Amino acid sequence: MIGINKDRTLKLEGVAKRLYDTKPENVKFVLYKSNRGFAIIFTDKKIKVSIVFGGANYCEHYIKPFVSENGSLPWTSKDFEVGVKHDTNDEWYQVPGHDGYGIHTYANFEELDEILNYVMNTPKLKIIDFASKRRSMTYRQKRLAK
């Protein structure tokens, strides 16, 4: 399970847990105010790995309503939505298992570990060219691409 406890600490496994426990100086964890997920930011590469698992995200809670900022805790999930983007602009990166728009849907811990290892060990990530995909994008993907 992945999640956020009532005291706003993270429930993690695998590489994500090792990163969280050792807290290397070039890695920081940010909880989203909506209580629906968190980001792992690699400050040296300016890369954000967004991990979300609340209502309306591509995970077991997909059909549940979006949770407000004052949403209840704890949130836990057996799977989650993962996206990798530049921390300060809107460039999305191709990562193992992504859907063509930078989102890895219904990811599990093994897939998250693969993505984190890829991000940590790839010198230059490939940027997704959204311009070539605009015609076939869904409403949600267009909104994410803005």
C-alpha atoms as a PDB file:
ATOM      1  CA  MET A   1       0.000   0.000   0.000  1.00  0.00           C
ATOM      2  CA  ILE A   2       0.951   3.587  -0.605  1.00  0.00           C
ATOM      3  CA  GLY A   3      -0.644   6.428   1.279  1.00  0.00           C
ATOM      4  CA  ILE A   4      -0.678   9.384   3.605  1.00  0.00           C
ATOM      5  CA  ASN A   5      -1.280   8.796   7.316  1.00  0.00           C
ATOM      6  CA  LYS A   6      -3.417  11.026   9.552  1.00  0.00           C
ATOM      7  CA  ASP A   7      -0.241  12.774  10.767  1.00  0.00           C
ATOM      8  CA  ARG A   8       0.620  13.534   7.083  1.00  0.00           C
ATOM      9  CA  THR A   9       3.550  11.115   6.987  1.00  0.00           C
ATOM     10  CA  LEU A  10       3.968   8.851   3.982  1.00  0.00           C
ATOM     11  CA  LYS A  11       3.381   5.118   3.669  1.00  0.00           C
ATOM     12  CA  LEU A  12       5.935   3.835   1.168  1.00  0.00           C
ATOM     13  CA  GLU A  13       7.717   0.705  -0.041  1.00  0.00           C
ATOM     14  CA  GLY A  14      10.784  -0.127  -2.142  1.00  0.00           C
ATOM     15  CA  VAL A  15      13.059   2.534  -3.627  1.00  0.00           C
ATOM     16  CA  ALA A  16      10.667   5.318  -2.628  1.00  0.00           C
ATOM     17  CA  LYS A  17      10.898   4.212   1.023  1.00  0.00           C
ATOM     18  CA  ARG A  18      14.707   4.018   0.851  1.00  0.00           C
ATOM     19  CA  LEU A  19      14.818   7.536  -0.624  1.00  0.00           C
ATOM     20  CA  TYR A  20      12.439   8.816   2.053  1.00  0.00           C
ATOM     21  CA  ASP A  21      14.343   7.139   4.900  1.00  0.00           C
ATOM     22  CA  THR A  22      17.814   8.323   3.799  1.00  0.00           C
ATOM     23  CA  LYS A  23      16.655  11.744   2.514  1.00  0.00           C
ATOM     24  CA  PRO A  24      19.593  12.434   0.170  1.00  0.00           C
ATOM     25  CA  GLU A  25      20.287  16.166  -0.099  1.00  0.00           C
ATOM     26  CA  ASN A  26      19.201  16.253  -3.761  1.00  0.00           C
ATOM     27  CA  VAL A  27      15.789  14.649  -3.058  1.00  0.00           C
ATOM     28  CA  LYS A  28      12.799  16.233  -1.362  1.00  0.00           C
ATOM     29  CA  PHE A  29       9.270  14.999  -0.716  1.00  0.00           C
ATOM     30  CA  VAL A  30       6.273  17.321  -0.992  1.00  0.00           C
ATOM     31  CA  LEU A  31       2.771  16.346   0.119  1.00  0.00           C
ATOM     32  CA  TYR A  32      -0.034  17.802  -1.998  1.00  0.00           C
ATOM     33  CA  LYS A  33      -2.508  19.968  -0.074  1.00  0.00           C
ATOM     34  CA  SER A  34      -5.401  17.934  -1.445  1.00  0.00           C
ATOM     35  CA  ASN A  35      -4.114  14.868   0.465  1.00  0.00           C
ATOM     36  CA  ARG A  36      -4.329  12.908  -2.813  1.00  0.00           C
ATOM     37  CA  GLY A  37      -0.619  12.264  -3.258  1.00  0.00           C
ATOM     38  CA  PHE A  38       2.880  13.644  -3.160  1.00  0.00           C
ATOM     39  CA  ALA A  39       5.878  14.509  -5.301  1.00  0.00           C
ATOM     40  CA  ILE A  40       9.462  13.339  -5.168  1.00  0.00           C
ATOM     41  CA  ILE A  41      11.640  16.165  -6.486  1.00  0.00           C
ATOM     42  CA  PHE A  42      15.189  15.511  -7.678  1.00  0.00           C
ATOM     43  CA  THR A  43      16.542  19.021  -7.119  1.00  0.00           C
ATOM     44  CA  ASP A  44      19.836  18.432  -8.950  1.00  0.00           C
ATOM     45  CA  LYS A  45      17.990  17.400 -12.140  1.00  0.00           C
ATOM     46  CA  LYS A  46      14.938  19.670 -11.600  1.00  0.00           C
ATOM     47  CA  ILE A  47      12.690  16.659 -12.119  1.00  0.00           C
ATOM     48  CA  LYS A  48       9.405  16.041 -10.298  1.00  0.00           C
ATOM     49  CA  VAL A  49       7.919  12.563  -9.988  1.00  0.00           C
ATOM     50  CA  SER A  50       4.256  13.088  -9.148  1.00  0.00           C
ATOM     51  CA  ILE A  51       2.488  10.189  -7.414  1.00  0.00           C
ATOM     52  CA  VAL A  52      -1.263  10.589  -6.939  1.00  0.00           C
ATOM     53  CA  PHE A  53      -3.877   8.123  -5.727  1.00  0.00           C
ATOM     54  CA  GLY A  54      -6.975  10.073  -4.746  1.00  0.00           C
ATOM     55  CA  GLY A  55     -10.405  10.259  -6.300  1.00  0.00           C
ATOM     56  CA  ALA A  56     -10.441  10.816 -10.081  1.00  0.00           C
ATOM     57  CA  ASN A  57      -6.814   9.665 -10.465  1.00  0.00           C
ATOM     58  CA  TYR A  58      -5.945   6.568 -12.487  1.00  0.00           C
ATOM     59  CA  CYS A  59      -5.871   4.173  -9.536  1.00  0.00           C
ATOM     60  CA  GLU A  60      -8.278   2.087  -7.476  1.00  0.00           C
ATOM     61  CA  HIS A  61     -10.017   5.332  -6.380  1.00  0.00           C
ATOM     62  CA  TYR A  62     -10.722   6.496  -9.958  1.00  0.00           C
ATOM     63  CA  ILE A  63     -14.512   6.528  -9.567  1.00  0.00           C
ATOM     64  CA  LYS A  64     -14.468   8.273  -6.184  1.00  0.00           C
ATOM     65  CA  PRO A  65     -15.044  12.038  -5.976  1.00  0.00           C
ATOM     66  CA  PHE A  66     -12.168  14.485  -5.926  1.00  0.00           C
ATOM     67  CA  VAL A  67     -11.170  15.252  -2.322  1.00  0.00           C
ATOM     68  CA  SER A  68     -10.993  18.869  -1.180  1.00  0.00           C
ATOM     69  CA  GLU A  69      -8.017  20.452   0.606  1.00  0.00           C
ATOM     70  CA  ASN A  70      -9.630  19.448   3.870  1.00  0.00           C
ATOM     71  CA  GLY A  71     -10.054  15.888   2.633  1.00  0.00           C
ATOM     72  CA  SER A  72     -10.027  13.116   5.142  1.00  0.00           C
ATOM     73  CA  LEU A  73      -6.951  11.068   5.944  1.00  0.00           C
ATOM     74  CA  PRO A  74      -5.612   8.467   5.767  1.00  0.00           C
ATOM     75  CA  TRP A  75      -5.641   7.888   2.013  1.00  0.00           C
ATOM     76  CA  THR A  76      -4.144   4.568   0.942  1.00  0.00           C
ATOM     77  CA  SER A  77      -4.096   2.766  -2.377  1.00  0.00           C
ATOM     78  CA  LYS A  78      -2.702  -0.422  -3.868  1.00  0.00           C
ATOM     79  CA  ASP A  79      -1.904   1.403  -7.122  1.00  0.00           C
ATOM     80  CA  PHE A  80      -1.412   5.000  -8.272  1.00  0.00           C
ATOM     81  CA  GLU A  81      -0.874   7.409 -11.149  1.00  0.00           C
ATOM     82  CA  VAL A  82       2.717   8.494 -11.827  1.00  0.00           C
ATOM     83  CA  GLY A  83       3.901  11.381 -13.986  1.00  0.00           C
ATOM     84  CA  VAL A  84       7.418  12.726 -14.502  1.00  0.00           C
ATOM     85  CA  LYS A  85       7.923  16.352 -15.470  1.00  0.00           C
ATOM     86  CA  HIS A  86      10.350  19.222 -15.181  1.00  0.00           C
ATOM     87  CA  ASP A  87      10.033  20.848 -11.767  1.00  0.00           C
ATOM     88  CA  THR A  88       9.799  24.450 -13.003  1.00  0.00           C
ATOM     89  CA  ASN A  89       8.174  24.244 -16.448  1.00  0.00           C
ATOM     90  CA  ASP A  90       5.590  22.056 -18.156  1.00  0.00           C
ATOM     91  CA  GLU A  91       7.852  19.614 -19.994  1.00  0.00           C
ATOM     92  CA  TRP A  92       6.766  16.014 -19.451  1.00  0.00           C
ATOM     93  CA  TYR A  93       9.237  13.154 -19.819  1.00  0.00           C
ATOM     94  CA  GLN A  94       8.946   9.697 -21.301  1.00  0.00           C
ATOM     95  CA  VAL A  95       9.419   7.022 -18.651  1.00  0.00           C
ATOM     96  CA  PRO A  96       8.953   3.232 -18.643  1.00  0.00           C
ATOM     97  CA  GLY A  97       5.274   2.330 -18.999  1.00  0.00           C
ATOM     98  CA  HIS A  98       3.931   5.828 -19.749  1.00  0.00           C
ATOM     99  CA  ASP A  99       0.829   6.221 -21.885  1.00  0.00           C
ATOM    100  CA  GLY A 100       2.376   8.467 -24.529  1.00  0.00           C
ATOM    101  CA  TYR A 101       1.464  11.592 -22.580  1.00  0.00           C
ATOM    102  CA  GLY A 102       3.823  11.104 -19.654  1.00  0.00           C
ATOM    103  CA  ILE A 103       1.385   9.389 -17.300  1.00  0.00           C
ATOM    104  CA  HIS A 104       1.869   5.843 -16.049  1.00  0.00           C
ATOM    105  CA  THR A 105      -1.593   4.715 -14.977  1.00  0.00           C
ATOM    106  CA  TYR A 106      -2.470   2.104 -12.358  1.00  0.00           C
ATOM    107  CA  ALA A 107       1.211   1.742 -11.405  1.00  0.00           C
ATOM    108  CA  ASN A 108       2.333  -0.582  -8.635  1.00  0.00           C
ATOM    109  CA  PHE A 109       5.438  -0.372  -6.425  1.00  0.00           C
ATOM    110  CA  GLU A 110       7.559  -2.452  -8.793  1.00  0.00           C
ATOM    111  CA  GLU A 111       6.743  -0.053 -11.641  1.00  0.00           C
ATOM    112  CA  LEU A 112       7.360   2.982  -9.398  1.00  0.00           C
ATOM    113  CA  ASP A 113      10.766   1.561  -8.456  1.00  0.00           C
ATOM    114  CA  GLU A 114      11.534   1.083 -12.164  1.00  0.00           C
ATOM    115  CA  ILE A 115      10.544   4.695 -12.902  1.00  0.00           C
ATOM    116  CA  LEU A 116      12.560   6.100  -9.956  1.00  0.00           C
ATOM    117  CA  ASN A 117      15.637   4.071 -10.933  1.00  0.00           C
ATOM    118  CA  TYR A 118      15.231   5.275 -14.533  1.00  0.00           C
ATOM    119  CA  VAL A 119      14.969   8.926 -13.434  1.00  0.00           C
ATOM    120  CA  MET A 120      17.957   8.620 -11.075  1.00  0.00           C
ATOM    121  CA  ASN A 121      20.199   6.838 -13.603  1.00  0.00           C
ATOM    122  CA  THR A 122      19.345   8.454 -16.947  1.00  0.00           C
ATOM    123  CA  PRO A 123      21.507  11.520 -17.638  1.00  0.00           C
ATOM    124  CA  LYS A 124      19.013  13.202 -20.006  1.00  0.00           C
ATOM    125  CA  LEU A 125      15.352  12.230 -20.102  1.00  0.00           C
ATOM    126  CA  LYS A 126      13.469  12.428 -23.407  1.00  0.00           C
ATOM    127  CA  ILE A 127      10.843  15.191 -23.560  1.00  0.00           C
ATOM    128  CA  ILE A 128       7.406  14.264 -24.904  1.00  0.00           C
ATOM    129  CA  ASP A 129       6.464  16.169 -28.065  1.00  0.00           C
ATOM    130  CA  PHE A 130       2.842  17.108 -27.344  1.00  0.00           C
ATOM    131  CA  ALA A 131       2.517  19.143 -30.546  1.00  0.00           C
ATOM    132  CA  SER A 132       2.498  15.953 -32.612  1.00  0.00           C
ATOM    133  CA  LYS A 133      -0.176  14.420 -30.355  1.00  0.00           C
ATOM    134  CA  ARG A 134      -2.644  17.325 -29.983  1.00  0.00           C
ATOM    135  CA  ARG A 135      -5.325  15.988 -32.354  1.00  0.00           C
ATOM    136  CA  SER A 136      -5.759  12.670 -30.597  1.00  0.00           C
ATOM    137  CA  MET A 137      -5.583  13.950 -27.029  1.00  0.00           C
ATOM    138  CA  THR A 138      -8.500  13.529 -24.637  1.00  0.00           C
ATOM    139  CA  TYR A 139      -9.848  16.500 -22.716  1.00  0.00           C
ATOM    140  CA  ARG A 140      -7.923  15.459 -19.579  1.00  0.00           C
ATOM    141  CA  GLN A 141      -4.676  15.082 -21.524  1.00  0.00           C
ATOM    142  CA  LYS A 142      -5.127  18.491 -23.156  1.00  0.00           C
ATOM    143  CA  ARG A 143      -5.670  20.015 -19.725  1.00  0.00           C
ATOM    144  CA  LEU A 144      -2.515  18.333 -18.398  1.00  0.00           C
ATOM    145  CA  ALA A 145      -0.521  19.471 -21.449  1.00  0.00           C
ATOM    146  CA  LYS A 146      -1.268  23.174 -20.849  1.00  0.00           C
END
